[in-house]
Amino acid sequence: MERTPHTELAEFLEQTGARLGIQRDWAKFLDSYPPLLGTTCPQPVPGADLLPDDTDAESHARMMPAGALCTVTSLVGVPAVSVPTGFADDMPQASSSSA
């Protein structure tokens, strides 16, 4: 709740409009380039012992870009899947696809 303060109605409507615009642009993009393939996490994921403390805002902010493709597909409501592709340095690897 500290990271996401209360939103007034006017701001909520503005954000909803922005989201609908992003959804429209994403749909146009996918009409030209179906499906979209990308990494689930475009940066190395730290070991479980190094993952950020969920209550630490700085740690959370550092990890958020790692899931950018997963976040945007959820935001615009397109189907997406993460497919395991093996291991590197004993850590699982995966790719994402949306269509």
C-alpha atoms as a PDB file:
ATOM      1  CA  MET A   1       0.000   0.000   0.000  1.00  0.00           C
ATOM      2  CA  GLU A   2       2.931   2.370   0.640  1.00  0.00           C
ATOM      3  CA  ARG A   3       4.192   1.834  -2.927  1.00  0.00           C
ATOM      4  CA  THR A   4       0.736   2.420  -4.405  1.00  0.00           C
ATOM      5  CA  PRO A   5      -1.073   5.280  -2.693  1.00  0.00           C
ATOM      6  CA  HIS A   6      -4.811   5.848  -2.981  1.00  0.00           C
ATOM      7  CA  THR A   7      -5.918   7.160  -6.391  1.00  0.00           C
ATOM      8  CA  GLU A   8      -8.601   9.796  -6.780  1.00  0.00           C
ATOM      9  CA  LEU A   9     -11.336   9.245  -9.386  1.00  0.00           C
ATOM     10  CA  ALA A  10      -9.916  11.690 -11.950  1.00  0.00           C
ATOM     11  CA  GLU A  11      -6.500  10.025 -11.843  1.00  0.00           C
ATOM     12  CA  PHE A  12      -8.088   6.565 -11.977  1.00  0.00           C
ATOM     13  CA  LEU A  13     -10.024   7.531 -15.125  1.00  0.00           C
ATOM     14  CA  GLU A  14      -6.857   8.972 -16.682  1.00  0.00           C
ATOM     15  CA  GLN A  15      -4.906   5.790 -15.905  1.00  0.00           C
ATOM     16  CA  THR A  16      -7.721   3.628 -17.275  1.00  0.00           C
ATOM     17  CA  GLY A  17      -7.662   5.640 -20.503  1.00  0.00           C
ATOM     18  CA  ALA A  18      -3.898   5.203 -20.746  1.00  0.00           C
ATOM     19  CA  ARG A  19      -4.264   1.435 -20.204  1.00  0.00           C
ATOM     20  CA  LEU A  20      -6.909   1.197 -22.930  1.00  0.00           C
ATOM     21  CA  GLY A  21      -4.583   3.077 -25.300  1.00  0.00           C
ATOM     22  CA  ILE A  22      -1.762   0.647 -24.500  1.00  0.00           C
ATOM     23  CA  GLN A  23      -4.141  -2.290 -25.075  1.00  0.00           C
ATOM     24  CA  ARG A  24      -5.117  -0.878 -28.488  1.00  0.00           C
ATOM     25  CA  ASP A  25      -1.476  -0.329 -29.499  1.00  0.00           C
ATOM     26  CA  TRP A  26      -0.524  -3.812 -28.294  1.00  0.00           C
ATOM     27  CA  ALA A  27      -3.358  -5.379 -30.327  1.00  0.00           C
ATOM     28  CA  LYS A  28      -2.167  -3.528 -33.459  1.00  0.00           C
ATOM     29  CA  PHE A  29       1.394  -4.704 -32.819  1.00  0.00           C
ATOM     30  CA  LEU A  30       0.302  -8.330 -32.436  1.00  0.00           C
ATOM     31  CA  ASP A  31      -1.688  -8.092 -35.696  1.00  0.00           C
ATOM     32  CA  SER A  32       1.630  -7.456 -37.455  1.00  0.00           C
ATOM     33  CA  TYR A  33       3.946  -9.644 -35.370  1.00  0.00           C
ATOM     34  CA  PRO A  34       2.171 -12.688 -33.888  1.00  0.00           C
ATOM     35  CA  PRO A  35       3.377 -14.298 -31.658  1.00  0.00           C
ATOM     36  CA  LEU A  36       5.853 -12.288 -29.624  1.00  0.00           C
ATOM     37  CA  LEU A  37       8.662 -14.264 -28.013  1.00  0.00           C
ATOM     38  CA  GLY A  38      10.900 -12.892 -25.310  1.00  0.00           C
ATOM     39  CA  THR A  39      12.709 -13.806 -22.169  1.00  0.00           C
ATOM     40  CA  THR A  40      10.698 -14.170 -19.001  1.00  0.00           C
ATOM     41  CA  CYS A  41      13.441 -12.392 -17.102  1.00  0.00           C
ATOM     42  CA  PRO A  42      15.934 -10.397 -19.223  1.00  0.00           C
ATOM     43  CA  GLN A  43      18.521 -10.267 -16.454  1.00  0.00           C
ATOM     44  CA  PRO A  44      20.127 -12.932 -14.303  1.00  0.00           C
ATOM     45  CA  VAL A  45      17.965 -13.917 -11.369  1.00  0.00           C
ATOM     46  CA  PRO A  46      19.799 -14.046  -8.058  1.00  0.00           C
ATOM     47  CA  GLY A  47      19.819 -17.205  -6.011  1.00  0.00           C
ATOM     48  CA  ALA A  48      16.968 -17.740  -3.571  1.00  0.00           C
ATOM     49  CA  ASP A  49      19.216 -16.593  -0.729  1.00  0.00           C
ATOM     50  CA  LEU A  50      19.760 -13.238  -2.510  1.00  0.00           C
ATOM     51  CA  LEU A  51      16.181 -12.429  -3.487  1.00  0.00           C
ATOM     52  CA  PRO A  52      14.934  -9.087  -2.186  1.00  0.00           C
ATOM     53  CA  ASP A  53      13.001  -8.747   1.005  1.00  0.00           C
ATOM     54  CA  ASP A  54       9.403  -8.133  -0.122  1.00  0.00           C
ATOM     55  CA  THR A  55       9.112  -5.253   2.344  1.00  0.00           C
ATOM     56  CA  ASP A  56      12.224  -3.466   1.022  1.00  0.00           C
ATOM     57  CA  ALA A  57      11.063  -0.885  -1.558  1.00  0.00           C
ATOM     58  CA  GLU A  58      14.534  -0.484  -3.097  1.00  0.00           C
ATOM     59  CA  SER A  59      14.988  -4.230  -3.575  1.00  0.00           C
ATOM     60  CA  HIS A  60      11.517  -4.519  -5.025  1.00  0.00           C
ATOM     61  CA  ALA A  61      12.212  -1.658  -7.474  1.00  0.00           C
ATOM     62  CA  ARG A  62      15.464  -3.353  -8.619  1.00  0.00           C
ATOM     63  CA  MET A  63      13.654  -6.623  -9.372  1.00  0.00           C
ATOM     64  CA  MET A  64      10.594  -5.157 -11.164  1.00  0.00           C
ATOM     65  CA  PRO A  65      12.332  -4.587 -14.546  1.00  0.00           C
ATOM     66  CA  ALA A  66      13.237  -8.287 -14.593  1.00  0.00           C
ATOM     67  CA  GLY A  67       9.590  -9.206 -15.162  1.00  0.00           C
ATOM     68  CA  ALA A  68       8.739  -6.380 -17.576  1.00  0.00           C
ATOM     69  CA  LEU A  69       7.436  -8.602 -20.396  1.00  0.00           C
ATOM     70  CA  CYS A  70       5.291 -10.593 -17.969  1.00  0.00           C
ATOM     71  CA  THR A  71       3.974  -7.367 -16.459  1.00  0.00           C
ATOM     72  CA  VAL A  72       3.012  -5.743 -19.763  1.00  0.00           C
ATOM     73  CA  THR A  73       1.186  -8.826 -21.031  1.00  0.00           C
ATOM     74  CA  SER A  74      -0.816  -8.901 -17.809  1.00  0.00           C
ATOM     75  CA  LEU A  75      -1.520  -5.164 -18.072  1.00  0.00           C
ATOM     76  CA  VAL A  76      -2.965  -5.418 -21.578  1.00  0.00           C
ATOM     77  CA  GLY A  77      -4.725  -8.726 -21.003  1.00  0.00           C
ATOM     78  CA  VAL A  78      -3.163 -10.816 -23.761  1.00  0.00           C
ATOM     79  CA  PRO A  79      -2.557 -14.537 -23.313  1.00  0.00           C
ATOM     80  CA  ALA A  80       1.004 -15.340 -22.270  1.00  0.00           C
ATOM     81  CA  VAL A  81       2.965 -18.391 -21.234  1.00  0.00           C
ATOM     82  CA  SER A  82       6.363 -18.944 -19.646  1.00  0.00           C
ATOM     83  CA  VAL A  83       8.150 -22.041 -20.945  1.00  0.00           C
ATOM     84  CA  PRO A  84      11.023 -23.676 -19.044  1.00  0.00           C
ATOM     85  CA  THR A  85      14.088 -23.897 -21.303  1.00  0.00           C
ATOM     86  CA  GLY A  86      16.649 -25.533 -19.036  1.00  0.00           C
ATOM     87  CA  PHE A  87      19.196 -24.554 -16.417  1.00  0.00           C
ATOM     88  CA  ALA A  88      22.231 -22.261 -16.365  1.00  0.00           C
ATOM     89  CA  ASP A  89      24.524 -22.208 -13.345  1.00  0.00           C
ATOM     90  CA  ASP A  90      21.984 -24.423 -11.529  1.00  0.00           C
ATOM     91  CA  MET A  91      19.255 -21.783 -11.958  1.00  0.00           C
ATOM     92  CA  PRO A  92      16.100 -22.419 -14.037  1.00  0.00           C
ATOM     93  CA  GLN A  93      15.741 -20.490 -17.304  1.00  0.00           C
ATOM     94  CA  ALA A  94      12.561 -19.713 -19.251  1.00  0.00           C
ATOM     95  CA  SER A  95      11.151 -17.868 -22.255  1.00  0.00           C
ATOM     96  CA  SER A  96       7.831 -16.058 -22.590  1.00  0.00           C
ATOM     97  CA  SER A  97       5.394 -15.953 -25.452  1.00  0.00           C
ATOM     98  CA  SER A  98       2.261 -13.907 -25.979  1.00  0.00           C
ATOM     99  CA  ALA A  99      -0.206 -13.960 -28.818  1.00  0.00           C
END
